Amino acid sequence: MSSSQEKLSSVERAVDGIVRGRYAARAFTDRLVPKKTIFDILDAARHAPSGANIQPWRVYVVAGAAQRRLSAAMAQAHLEARDAHASEYRYYSSVLPEPYHSRRAEFGRIFYGSLGIAQSDTERRSRQTANN
């Protein structure tokens, strides 16, 4: 095996470890994130590709009282005026082909069902979304 093949294998193993070690956790704490960590993440993220190079992001970093006011206002808007605040783009296509439509529906049944929330209970589903 050549050194370039060994190096590629090492990179592949590293990427595989990152992908397999990733998980989604929606458990938030009040622990402060060091500013250096935020700057390092944003510095790395600015190099990320975007579809058609449209780079559809703006970053605002808030902390302390400003963050608490913003979070409270967002939670209130979600509960009281959801329809008045539309996204600039659709997260999901309005027409999701199979098998993706069925997979998303099944995940919703499993996820909300595990929380004791019926699929038809749109109000409780919305409150759970606010927690995210």
Protein backbone atom coordinates (compact mmCIF):
# COMPACT_ATOMS: atom_id res chain seq x y z
CA MET A 1 0.00 0.00 0.00
CA SER A 2 1.41 3.40 -0.96
CA SER A 3 1.72 6.24 1.57
CA SER A 4 -1.04 8.18 -0.22
CA GLN A 5 -3.37 5.16 0.11
CA GLU A 6 -2.49 4.85 3.81
CA LYS A 7 -3.17 8.56 4.31
CA LEU A 8 -6.49 8.33 2.49
CA SER A 9 -7.46 5.37 4.63
CA SER A 10 -6.64 7.38 7.73
CA VAL A 11 -8.76 10.29 6.50
CA GLU A 12 -11.60 7.94 5.61
CA ARG A 13 -11.44 6.39 9.07
CA ALA A 14 -11.48 9.84 10.68
CA VAL A 15 -14.51 10.96 8.65
CA ASP A 16 -16.26 7.66 9.33
CA GLY A 17 -15.66 8.14 13.07
CA ILE A 18 -17.08 11.66 12.95
CA VAL A 19 -20.18 10.60 11.01
CA ARG A 20 -20.83 7.58 13.22
CA GLY A 21 -20.22 9.55 16.40
CA ARG A 22 -22.66 12.32 15.53
CA TYR A 23 -26.00 12.53 17.27
CA ALA A 24 -28.76 15.08 17.65
CA ALA A 25 -29.55 16.15 21.19
CA ARG A 26 -32.11 18.77 22.01
CA ALA A 27 -31.04 19.26 25.57
CA PHE A 28 -29.97 22.79 26.27
CA THR A 29 -28.08 24.17 29.25
CA ASP A 30 -27.34 27.62 30.59
CA ARG A 31 -23.60 26.96 30.35
CA LEU A 32 -21.79 29.81 28.61
CA VAL A 33 -19.89 29.00 25.44
CA PRO A 34 -16.47 30.69 25.35
CA LYS A 35 -16.22 33.46 22.74
CA LYS A 36 -13.14 31.79 21.24
CA THR A 37 -15.18 28.63 20.61
CA ILE A 38 -17.87 30.64 18.84
CA PHE A 39 -15.29 32.47 16.71
CA ASP A 40 -13.54 29.19 15.84
CA ILE A 41 -16.84 27.59 14.77
CA LEU A 42 -17.83 30.60 12.66
CA ASP A 43 -14.38 30.76 11.08
CA ALA A 44 -14.63 27.10 10.04
CA ALA A 45 -18.27 27.45 8.96
CA ARG A 46 -17.56 30.33 6.58
CA HIS A 47 -15.76 27.85 4.36
CA ALA A 48 -18.77 25.52 4.12
CA PRO A 49 -20.32 25.14 0.68
CA SER A 50 -23.89 26.15 -0.04
CA GLY A 51 -26.17 25.10 -2.86
CA ALA A 52 -25.52 27.22 -5.96
CA ASN A 53 -23.15 29.28 -3.79
CA ILE A 54 -26.07 31.38 -2.50
CA GLN A 55 -24.72 31.35 1.08
CA PRO A 56 -28.16 31.99 2.64
CA TRP A 57 -26.98 32.90 6.13
CA ARG A 58 -26.41 35.85 8.35
CA VAL A 59 -24.94 35.33 11.77
CA TYR A 60 -25.84 37.31 14.85
CA VAL A 61 -24.33 36.35 18.19
CA VAL A 62 -26.13 37.44 21.34
CA ALA A 63 -25.63 36.60 24.97
CA GLY A 64 -26.83 37.59 28.40
CA ALA A 65 -29.91 39.79 28.72
CA ALA A 66 -30.13 40.36 24.95
CA GLN A 67 -30.20 36.59 24.34
CA ARG A 68 -32.87 36.07 27.00
CA ARG A 69 -35.07 38.83 25.50
CA LEU A 70 -34.63 37.42 21.99
CA SER A 71 -35.41 33.86 23.12
CA ALA A 72 -38.53 35.02 24.98
CA ALA A 73 -39.74 37.04 21.98
CA MET A 74 -39.18 34.10 19.62
CA ALA A 75 -41.03 31.69 21.92
CA GLN A 76 -43.91 34.15 22.25
CA ALA A 77 -44.08 34.70 18.48
CA HIS A 78 -44.09 30.94 17.94
CA LEU A 79 -46.99 30.47 20.34
CA GLU A 80 -49.05 33.52 19.40
CA ALA A 81 -48.25 34.46 15.80
CA ARG A 82 -46.74 31.47 14.00
CA ASP A 83 -48.48 32.22 10.71
CA ALA A 84 -47.24 35.82 10.67
CA HIS A 85 -43.61 34.71 10.54
CA ALA A 86 -42.82 32.79 7.38
CA SER A 87 -39.43 31.41 6.45
CA GLU A 88 -37.59 32.89 3.48
CA TYR A 89 -37.54 29.40 1.97
CA ARG A 90 -39.29 26.09 2.49
CA TYR A 91 -37.34 23.63 4.60
CA TYR A 92 -39.16 20.69 3.03
CA SER A 93 -40.48 20.46 -0.48
CA SER A 94 -44.28 20.72 -0.61
CA VAL A 95 -44.17 17.54 -2.68
CA LEU A 96 -41.90 14.96 -1.07
CA PRO A 97 -41.58 11.82 -3.21
CA GLU A 98 -41.60 8.29 -1.85
CA PRO A 99 -40.01 6.79 0.09
CA TYR A 100 -39.09 10.10 1.77
CA HIS A 101 -42.66 11.21 2.48
CA SER A 102 -43.44 7.93 4.27
CA ARG A 103 -40.14 8.03 6.18
CA ARG A 104 -40.81 11.55 7.43
CA ALA A 105 -44.37 10.65 8.43
CA GLU A 106 -43.21 7.51 10.25
CA PHE A 107 -40.51 9.44 12.10
CA GLY A 108 -43.13 11.98 13.19
CA ARG A 109 -45.38 9.21 14.51
CA ILE A 110 -42.48 7.62 16.41
CA PHE A 111 -41.02 10.87 17.76
CA TYR A 112 -44.26 12.53 18.86
CA GLY A 113 -45.72 9.19 19.92
CA SER A 114 -42.75 8.63 22.26
CA LEU A 115 -43.69 11.93 23.90
CA GLY A 116 -47.35 10.94 24.19
CA ILE A 117 -48.42 13.46 21.53
CA ALA A 118 -51.03 12.30 19.01
CA GLN A 119 -50.41 13.06 15.35
CA SER A 120 -53.66 15.02 15.26
CA ASP A 121 -52.71 17.17 18.28
CA THR A 122 -51.27 20.12 16.39
CA GLU A 123 -51.16 22.39 19.44
CA ARG A 124 -48.99 20.01 21.51
CA ARG A 125 -46.84 19.26 18.46
CA SER A 126 -46.28 22.98 18.04
CA ARG A 127 -45.34 23.37 21.71
CA GLN A 128 -42.80 20.56 21.28
CA THR A 129 -41.39 22.30 18.21
CA ALA A 130 -40.96 25.43 20.33
CA ASN A 131 -38.82 23.41 22.74
CA ASN A 132 -36.47 22.60 19.88
